[in-house]
Each structure stands twice: as C-alpha cells, then as structure tokens.
Amino acid sequence: MMSDLEENAITPLHDPFALFALWMADAEKSEINDPNGMALATATPDGLPSVRMVLLKGFDDNGFVFYSHQTSRKGQELLANPHAALLFHWKSLRRQVRIEGPVSVVSDAEADEYFASRPRLSRLGAWASAQSQVLENRAAFLAKIAGVTARFLGREVPRPENWSGWRLAPRSMEFWQDMPFRLHDRVRYQRAAEGWHHDRLYP
C-alpha cells in the first residue's frame, strides 16, 4: 500500500507551467469532453463571489488566457476587481489544479487574432448575444442571430468592441492528486522574487 502512495505521488518540477503542460497533455488524452474546461471564480469589489465554467484558450509563462464579453457578469466583475481564481478538475485522472492571481485584459491584437480563428457562427453569436442580460425568449435570440448574419453577409465578421480576453498571471498554483483513503498529494507553488518555490501541503 505504501509503495502505491509513493508511485502515484506528484513529482515537482522547477517550473509549475511545465508541470501544468504535462498534466494538460494527459487530460487531452483521457478526458471525454473539454479537457481545457475550468471553473473561473470572480468577485465584486465588496467580495460577493460568483463562479462559472469557461474554456482555457492558451497559456505560457505570462499566464492563462480565456475570452468573453466584457459586459457579462464575469467581465464586469473582472474590470471592477481584477483578481480571479481558476480550477481545473480532470475526473478521469483524479487530478485538479488551483490557480490564483491578478487578471488583465489581453491586447487588441491578441483578441483579434483569436476571434478570427473562431467558427463563423461563433463570431456571429458574439455580436448577437448581450451576455448575462435578460432574454425575453429563445426566439428573440435566434432572430438577433439572423439579423447579424444578414448584416455581415459576404464579408468578414470583426470582433465586437466589448468582446475580449483576459490573462490571469498566477501568484500561486496548487496541484492535487487523488490517493486512496483520502491520503491525497498536494504540491503548492508560490511566486517569489527569484522565481517560484514549492512545498507540500497536508491533504
């Protein structure tokens, strides 16, 4: 039993982004749907929290990037209180990663490039949706999609001004591996002046 606990323990790397890349690669092989799905937690300036699932669209040493409407609830909360937390949970691997840090809006060029890579109907949907606002009925939304489809017929669909991306620059990253009998393994990385340092946490 003890050998199993050692065999499945997390092997820390010097760089948490490198460890995350390995875990994401494993998830892409084992998760049935959306291995890049993550819970995004935001809060108002007075501390009222909210959480929802979004998709990770890129990551590097500068942070983790996702996209949405700035006028949505999460967009308004991020603009007013630019701090957030992410949670990846890969059920097939019995792993999770928690990430916390400040958030900033990506450059217009970066947002334009990603928006142009989306399927055309997704780009039209971004124009048609007043995300998080009250919708009278589904038919009203479909009518708006038909309207923007006609508007951009025969030409490219540009990025709406209020649609962009955010980059979370982690100050902490915690890797969690399920173990039998709840003897889980947790490794936490924290950013320091000289880079990153890590330690293990009791389960």
C-alpha atoms as a PDB file:
ATOM      1  CA  MET A   1       0.000   0.000   0.000  1.00  0.00           C
ATOM      2  CA  MET A   2       2.726   2.463   0.909  1.00  0.00           C
ATOM      3  CA  SER A   3       4.505   1.766  -2.389  1.00  0.00           C
ATOM      4  CA  ASP A   4       1.340   2.724  -4.308  1.00  0.00           C
ATOM      5  CA  LEU A   5       1.217   6.023  -2.461  1.00  0.00           C
ATOM      6  CA  GLU A   6       4.815   6.745  -3.424  1.00  0.00           C
ATOM      7  CA  GLU A   7       4.393   5.621  -7.032  1.00  0.00           C
ATOM      8  CA  ASN A   8       1.486   7.984  -7.719  1.00  0.00           C
ATOM      9  CA  ALA A   9       2.883  10.961  -5.835  1.00  0.00           C
ATOM     10  CA  ILE A  10       3.437  14.245  -7.669  1.00  0.00           C
ATOM     11  CA  THR A  11       6.974  14.812  -8.916  1.00  0.00           C
ATOM     12  CA  PRO A  12       7.524  18.581  -8.601  1.00  0.00           C
ATOM     13  CA  LEU A  13       9.304  20.388 -11.422  1.00  0.00           C
ATOM     14  CA  HIS A  14      11.195  23.659 -11.090  1.00  0.00           C
ATOM     15  CA  ASP A  15       8.608  25.421 -13.273  1.00  0.00           C
ATOM     16  CA  PRO A  16       4.892  24.986 -12.457  1.00  0.00           C
ATOM     17  CA  PHE A  17       3.945  25.844 -16.050  1.00  0.00           C
ATOM     18  CA  ALA A  18       5.958  22.840 -17.243  1.00  0.00           C
ATOM     19  CA  LEU A  19       4.124  20.587 -14.786  1.00  0.00           C
ATOM     20  CA  PHE A  20       0.791  22.058 -15.872  1.00  0.00           C
ATOM     21  CA  ALA A  21       1.662  21.374 -19.524  1.00  0.00           C
ATOM     22  CA  LEU A  22       2.326  17.715 -18.702  1.00  0.00           C
ATOM     23  CA  TRP A  23      -0.951  17.389 -16.819  1.00  0.00           C
ATOM     24  CA  MET A  24      -2.876  19.133 -19.589  1.00  0.00           C
ATOM     25  CA  ALA A  25      -1.373  16.753 -22.148  1.00  0.00           C
ATOM     26  CA  ASP A  26      -2.525  13.810 -20.016  1.00  0.00           C
ATOM     27  CA  ALA A  27      -6.003  15.338 -19.753  1.00  0.00           C
ATOM     28  CA  GLU A  28      -6.246  15.799 -23.522  1.00  0.00           C
ATOM     29  CA  LYS A  29      -5.733  12.048 -23.871  1.00  0.00           C
ATOM     30  CA  SER A  30      -8.153  10.935 -21.151  1.00  0.00           C
ATOM     31  CA  GLU A  31     -10.965  13.490 -20.740  1.00  0.00           C
ATOM     32  CA  ILE A  32     -14.070  12.807 -22.823  1.00  0.00           C
ATOM     33  CA  ASN A  33     -15.076  16.467 -23.194  1.00  0.00           C
ATOM     34  CA  ASP A  34     -13.293  19.796 -22.827  1.00  0.00           C
ATOM     35  CA  PRO A  35     -10.009  18.986 -21.092  1.00  0.00           C
ATOM     36  CA  ASN A  36      -9.456  22.760 -21.185  1.00  0.00           C
ATOM     37  CA  GLY A  37     -12.648  23.422 -19.207  1.00  0.00           C
ATOM     38  CA  MET A  38     -12.037  25.347 -15.993  1.00  0.00           C
ATOM     39  CA  ALA A  39     -14.063  26.952 -13.256  1.00  0.00           C
ATOM     40  CA  LEU A  40     -13.491  30.699 -13.125  1.00  0.00           C
ATOM     41  CA  ALA A  41     -14.214  32.421  -9.798  1.00  0.00           C
ATOM     42  CA  THR A  42     -14.593  36.193  -9.678  1.00  0.00           C
ATOM     43  CA  ALA A  43     -15.873  38.622  -7.063  1.00  0.00           C
ATOM     44  CA  THR A  44     -17.315  42.101  -6.832  1.00  0.00           C
ATOM     45  CA  PRO A  45     -15.229  44.834  -5.153  1.00  0.00           C
ATOM     46  CA  ASP A  46     -17.178  44.206  -1.918  1.00  0.00           C
ATOM     47  CA  GLY A  47     -16.400  40.492  -2.003  1.00  0.00           C
ATOM     48  CA  LEU A  48     -19.541  38.848  -3.411  1.00  0.00           C
ATOM     49  CA  PRO A  49     -18.289  35.773  -5.325  1.00  0.00           C
ATOM     50  CA  SER A  50     -19.532  34.025  -8.454  1.00  0.00           C
ATOM     51  CA  VAL A  51     -18.206  31.060 -10.426  1.00  0.00           C
ATOM     52  CA  ARG A  52     -18.807  29.514 -13.835  1.00  0.00           C
ATOM     53  CA  MET A  53     -17.155  27.195 -16.339  1.00  0.00           C
ATOM     54  CA  VAL A  54     -15.107  28.702 -19.177  1.00  0.00           C
ATOM     55  CA  LEU A  55     -12.513  27.351 -21.607  1.00  0.00           C
ATOM     56  CA  LEU A  56      -8.763  27.909 -21.414  1.00  0.00           C
ATOM     57  CA  LYS A  57      -7.606  29.209 -24.798  1.00  0.00           C
ATOM     58  CA  GLY A  58      -3.884  29.482 -24.193  1.00  0.00           C
ATOM     59  CA  PHE A  59      -1.171  29.568 -21.559  1.00  0.00           C
ATOM     60  CA  ASP A  60       2.513  30.373 -21.280  1.00  0.00           C
ATOM     61  CA  ASP A  61       4.868  31.807 -18.689  1.00  0.00           C
ATOM     62  CA  ASN A  62       2.800  35.010 -18.656  1.00  0.00           C
ATOM     63  CA  GLY A  63      -0.414  33.307 -17.571  1.00  0.00           C
ATOM     64  CA  PHE A  64      -3.683  31.652 -18.563  1.00  0.00           C
ATOM     65  CA  VAL A  65      -5.976  33.195 -21.203  1.00  0.00           C
ATOM     66  CA  PHE A  66      -9.748  32.985 -21.676  1.00  0.00           C
ATOM     67  CA  TYR A  67     -12.265  35.082 -23.639  1.00  0.00           C
ATOM     68  CA  SER A  68     -15.737  36.524 -23.128  1.00  0.00           C
ATOM     69  CA  HIS A  69     -17.881  39.660 -23.284  1.00  0.00           C
ATOM     70  CA  GLN A  70     -16.666  42.482 -21.077  1.00  0.00           C
ATOM     71  CA  THR A  71     -20.308  43.406 -20.449  1.00  0.00           C
ATOM     72  CA  SER A  72     -21.110  39.964 -18.979  1.00  0.00           C
ATOM     73  CA  ARG A  73     -21.279  39.471 -15.221  1.00  0.00           C
ATOM     74  CA  LYS A  74     -17.788  37.987 -15.088  1.00  0.00           C
ATOM     75  CA  GLY A  75     -16.485  40.721 -17.384  1.00  0.00           C
ATOM     76  CA  GLN A  76     -17.899  43.479 -15.183  1.00  0.00           C
ATOM     77  CA  GLU A  77     -16.545  41.834 -12.036  1.00  0.00           C
ATOM     78  CA  LEU A  78     -13.086  41.383 -13.565  1.00  0.00           C
ATOM     79  CA  LEU A  79     -12.972  45.007 -14.691  1.00  0.00           C
ATOM     80  CA  ALA A  80     -14.020  46.219 -11.230  1.00  0.00           C
ATOM     81  CA  ASN A  81     -11.937  43.725  -9.227  1.00  0.00           C
ATOM     82  CA  PRO A  82      -9.122  42.340 -11.428  1.00  0.00           C
ATOM     83  CA  HIS A  83      -8.348  39.227  -9.404  1.00  0.00           C
ATOM     84  CA  ALA A  84      -9.606  35.702 -10.013  1.00  0.00           C
ATOM     85  CA  ALA A  85      -9.131  32.002  -9.350  1.00  0.00           C
ATOM     86  CA  LEU A  86      -9.207  29.052 -11.741  1.00  0.00           C
ATOM     87  CA  LEU A  87      -9.881  25.394 -11.047  1.00  0.00           C
ATOM     88  CA  PHE A  88      -9.197  22.516 -13.416  1.00  0.00           C
ATOM     89  CA  HIS A  89     -10.742  19.194 -12.395  1.00  0.00           C
ATOM     90  CA  TRP A  90      -9.875  16.148 -14.512  1.00  0.00           C
ATOM     91  CA  LYS A  91     -12.135  13.408 -13.213  1.00  0.00           C
ATOM     92  CA  SER A  92     -10.608  10.703 -15.426  1.00  0.00           C
ATOM     93  CA  LEU A  93      -7.183  11.379 -13.896  1.00  0.00           C
ATOM     94  CA  ARG A  94      -8.407  12.199 -10.385  1.00  0.00           C
ATOM     95  CA  ARG A  95      -6.433  15.421 -10.518  1.00  0.00           C
ATOM     96  CA  GLN A  96      -7.096  19.083 -10.023  1.00  0.00           C
ATOM     97  CA  VAL A  97      -5.128  22.316 -10.329  1.00  0.00           C
ATOM     98  CA  ARG A  98      -5.971  25.539  -8.483  1.00  0.00           C
ATOM     99  CA  ILE A  99      -4.601  28.840  -9.783  1.00  0.00           C
ATOM    100  CA  GLU A 100      -4.929  32.322  -8.261  1.00  0.00           C
ATOM    101  CA  GLY A 101      -3.705  35.733  -9.304  1.00  0.00           C
ATOM    102  CA  PRO A 102      -4.377  39.159 -10.835  1.00  0.00           C
ATOM    103  CA  VAL A 103      -6.123  39.464 -14.192  1.00  0.00           C
ATOM    104  CA  SER A 104      -5.526  41.874 -17.071  1.00  0.00           C
ATOM    105  CA  VAL A 105      -7.188  42.400 -20.452  1.00  0.00           C
ATOM    106  CA  VAL A 106      -5.227  40.985 -23.409  1.00  0.00           C
ATOM    107  CA  SER A 107      -4.075  43.271 -26.212  1.00  0.00           C
ATOM    108  CA  ASP A 108      -6.442  44.135 -29.055  1.00  0.00           C
ATOM    109  CA  ALA A 109      -4.135  42.317 -31.473  1.00  0.00           C
ATOM    110  CA  GLU A 110      -4.243  39.126 -29.418  1.00  0.00           C
ATOM    111  CA  ALA A 111      -8.036  39.295 -29.071  1.00  0.00           C
ATOM    112  CA  ASP A 112      -8.436  39.991 -32.806  1.00  0.00           C
ATOM    113  CA  GLU A 113      -6.254  37.023 -33.725  1.00  0.00           C
ATOM    114  CA  TYR A 114      -8.170  34.602 -31.527  1.00  0.00           C
ATOM    115  CA  PHE A 115     -11.584  35.955 -32.564  1.00  0.00           C
ATOM    116  CA  ALA A 116     -10.690  35.483 -36.243  1.00  0.00           C
ATOM    117  CA  SER A 117      -9.857  31.817 -35.554  1.00  0.00           C
ATOM    118  CA  ARG A 118     -13.360  31.037 -34.224  1.00  0.00           C
ATOM    119  CA  PRO A 119     -16.038  29.408 -36.403  1.00  0.00           C
ATOM    120  CA  ARG A 120     -18.116  31.991 -38.269  1.00  0.00           C
ATOM    121  CA  LEU A 121     -21.318  31.171 -36.374  1.00  0.00           C
ATOM    122  CA  SER A 122     -19.499  31.646 -33.071  1.00  0.00           C
ATOM    123  CA  ARG A 123     -18.339  35.082 -34.245  1.00  0.00           C
ATOM    124  CA  LEU A 124     -21.886  35.977 -35.272  1.00  0.00           C
ATOM    125  CA  GLY A 125     -23.134  34.745 -31.900  1.00  0.00           C
ATOM    126  CA  ALA A 126     -20.772  37.132 -30.129  1.00  0.00           C
ATOM    127  CA  TRP A 127     -22.489  40.019 -31.923  1.00  0.00           C
ATOM    128  CA  ALA A 128     -25.990  38.682 -31.263  1.00  0.00           C
ATOM    129  CA  SER A 129     -25.567  37.959 -27.547  1.00  0.00           C
ATOM    130  CA  ALA A 130     -25.947  40.559 -24.821  1.00  0.00           C
ATOM    131  CA  GLN A 131     -24.338  38.071 -22.478  1.00  0.00           C
ATOM    132  CA  SER A 132     -25.800  37.833 -18.961  1.00  0.00           C
ATOM    133  CA  GLN A 133     -28.668  40.244 -19.808  1.00  0.00           C
ATOM    134  CA  VAL A 134     -32.305  39.168 -19.539  1.00  0.00           C
ATOM    135  CA  LEU A 135     -33.526  37.399 -22.709  1.00  0.00           C
ATOM    136  CA  GLU A 136     -37.246  37.544 -23.469  1.00  0.00           C
ATOM    137  CA  ASN A 137     -37.267  34.134 -25.140  1.00  0.00           C
ATOM    138  CA  ARG A 138     -35.095  31.880 -27.296  1.00  0.00           C
ATOM    139  CA  ALA A 139     -36.806  33.068 -30.464  1.00  0.00           C
ATOM    140  CA  ALA A 140     -35.616  36.617 -29.808  1.00  0.00           C
ATOM    141  CA  PHE A 141     -32.009  35.408 -29.656  1.00  0.00           C
ATOM    142  CA  LEU A 142     -32.358  33.419 -32.877  1.00  0.00           C
ATOM    143  CA  ALA A 143     -33.846  36.490 -34.550  1.00  0.00           C
ATOM    144  CA  LYS A 144     -30.807  38.539 -33.497  1.00  0.00           C
ATOM    145  CA  ILE A 145     -28.510  35.853 -34.934  1.00  0.00           C
ATOM    146  CA  ALA A 146     -30.440  36.018 -38.217  1.00  0.00           C
ATOM    147  CA  GLY A 147     -30.071  39.777 -38.183  1.00  0.00           C
ATOM    148  CA  VAL A 148     -26.307  39.830 -37.712  1.00  0.00           C
ATOM    149  CA  THR A 149     -25.944  37.009 -40.258  1.00  0.00           C
ATOM    150  CA  ALA A 150     -27.624  39.262 -42.831  1.00  0.00           C
ATOM    151  CA  ARG A 151     -25.570  42.259 -41.691  1.00  0.00           C
ATOM    152  CA  PHE A 152     -22.250  40.529 -42.308  1.00  0.00           C
ATOM    153  CA  LEU A 153     -23.317  38.522 -45.362  1.00  0.00           C
ATOM    154  CA  GLY A 154     -20.415  38.158 -47.773  1.00  0.00           C
ATOM    155  CA  ARG A 155     -17.817  39.797 -45.537  1.00  0.00           C
ATOM    156  CA  GLU A 156     -15.663  39.061 -42.534  1.00  0.00           C
ATOM    157  CA  VAL A 157     -17.116  39.260 -39.037  1.00  0.00           C
ATOM    158  CA  PRO A 158     -14.975  41.651 -36.962  1.00  0.00           C
ATOM    159  CA  ARG A 159     -14.510  41.360 -33.213  1.00  0.00           C
ATOM    160  CA  PRO A 160     -17.117  43.297 -31.210  1.00  0.00           C
ATOM    161  CA  GLU A 161     -15.573  46.106 -29.204  1.00  0.00           C
ATOM    162  CA  ASN A 162     -16.895  44.685 -25.910  1.00  0.00           C
ATOM    163  CA  TRP A 163     -15.595  41.148 -26.579  1.00  0.00           C
ATOM    164  CA  SER A 164     -12.045  40.415 -25.484  1.00  0.00           C
ATOM    165  CA  GLY A 165      -9.824  38.181 -23.414  1.00  0.00           C
ATOM    166  CA  TRP A 166      -8.231  38.128 -20.000  1.00  0.00           C
ATOM    167  CA  ARG A 167      -4.915  36.788 -18.810  1.00  0.00           C
ATOM    168  CA  LEU A 168      -4.564  35.519 -15.256  1.00  0.00           C
ATOM    169  CA  ALA A 169      -0.951  35.845 -14.090  1.00  0.00           C
ATOM    170  CA  PRO A 170      -0.641  33.255 -11.309  1.00  0.00           C
ATOM    171  CA  ARG A 171       0.783  34.077  -7.930  1.00  0.00           C
ATOM    172  CA  SER A 172       0.026  30.565  -6.710  1.00  0.00           C
ATOM    173  CA  MET A 173      -0.632  27.205  -8.363  1.00  0.00           C
ATOM    174  CA  GLU A 174      -1.610  24.067  -6.469  1.00  0.00           C
ATOM    175  CA  PHE A 175      -1.503  20.570  -7.950  1.00  0.00           C
ATOM    176  CA  TRP A 176      -3.666  17.895  -6.315  1.00  0.00           C
ATOM    177  CA  GLN A 177      -3.513  14.156  -6.934  1.00  0.00           C
ATOM    178  CA  ASP A 178      -6.160  11.806  -5.571  1.00  0.00           C
ATOM    179  CA  MET A 179      -4.847   8.977  -3.406  1.00  0.00           C
ATOM    180  CA  PRO A 180      -6.561   6.002  -1.710  1.00  0.00           C
ATOM    181  CA  PHE A 181      -8.211   6.574   1.660  1.00  0.00           C
ATOM    182  CA  ARG A 182      -8.047  10.370   1.122  1.00  0.00           C
ATOM    183  CA  LEU A 183      -4.266  10.341   1.618  1.00  0.00           C
ATOM    184  CA  HIS A 184      -4.037  12.823  -1.255  1.00  0.00           C
ATOM    185  CA  ASP A 185      -0.898  14.541  -2.512  1.00  0.00           C
ATOM    186  CA  ARG A 186      -0.797  18.351  -2.788  1.00  0.00           C
ATOM    187  CA  VAL A 187       2.047  20.478  -4.139  1.00  0.00           C
ATOM    188  CA  ARG A 188       1.734  24.267  -3.983  1.00  0.00           C
ATOM    189  CA  TYR A 189       3.859  26.705  -5.958  1.00  0.00           C
ATOM    190  CA  GLN A 190       4.093  30.348  -4.903  1.00  0.00           C
ATOM    191  CA  ARG A 191       5.722  33.119  -6.884  1.00  0.00           C
ATOM    192  CA  ALA A 192       8.720  34.704  -5.186  1.00  0.00           C
ATOM    193  CA  ALA A 193      11.101  37.499  -6.135  1.00  0.00           C
ATOM    194  CA  GLU A 194      13.598  34.995  -7.521  1.00  0.00           C
ATOM    195  CA  GLY A 195      11.041  32.840  -9.315  1.00  0.00           C
ATOM    196  CA  TRP A 196       8.918  30.055  -7.848  1.00  0.00           C
ATOM    197  CA  HIS A 197       9.215  27.963  -4.730  1.00  0.00           C
ATOM    198  CA  HIS A 198       7.091  24.943  -3.865  1.00  0.00           C
ATOM    199  CA  ASP A 199       6.072  22.972  -0.830  1.00  0.00           C
ATOM    200  CA  ARG A 200       3.794  20.093   0.006  1.00  0.00           C
ATOM    201  CA  LEU A 201       0.530  20.543   1.914  1.00  0.00           C
ATOM    202  CA  TYR A 202      -1.249  18.091   4.166  1.00  0.00           C
ATOM    203  CA  PRO A 203      -4.326  16.642   2.440  1.00  0.00           C
END
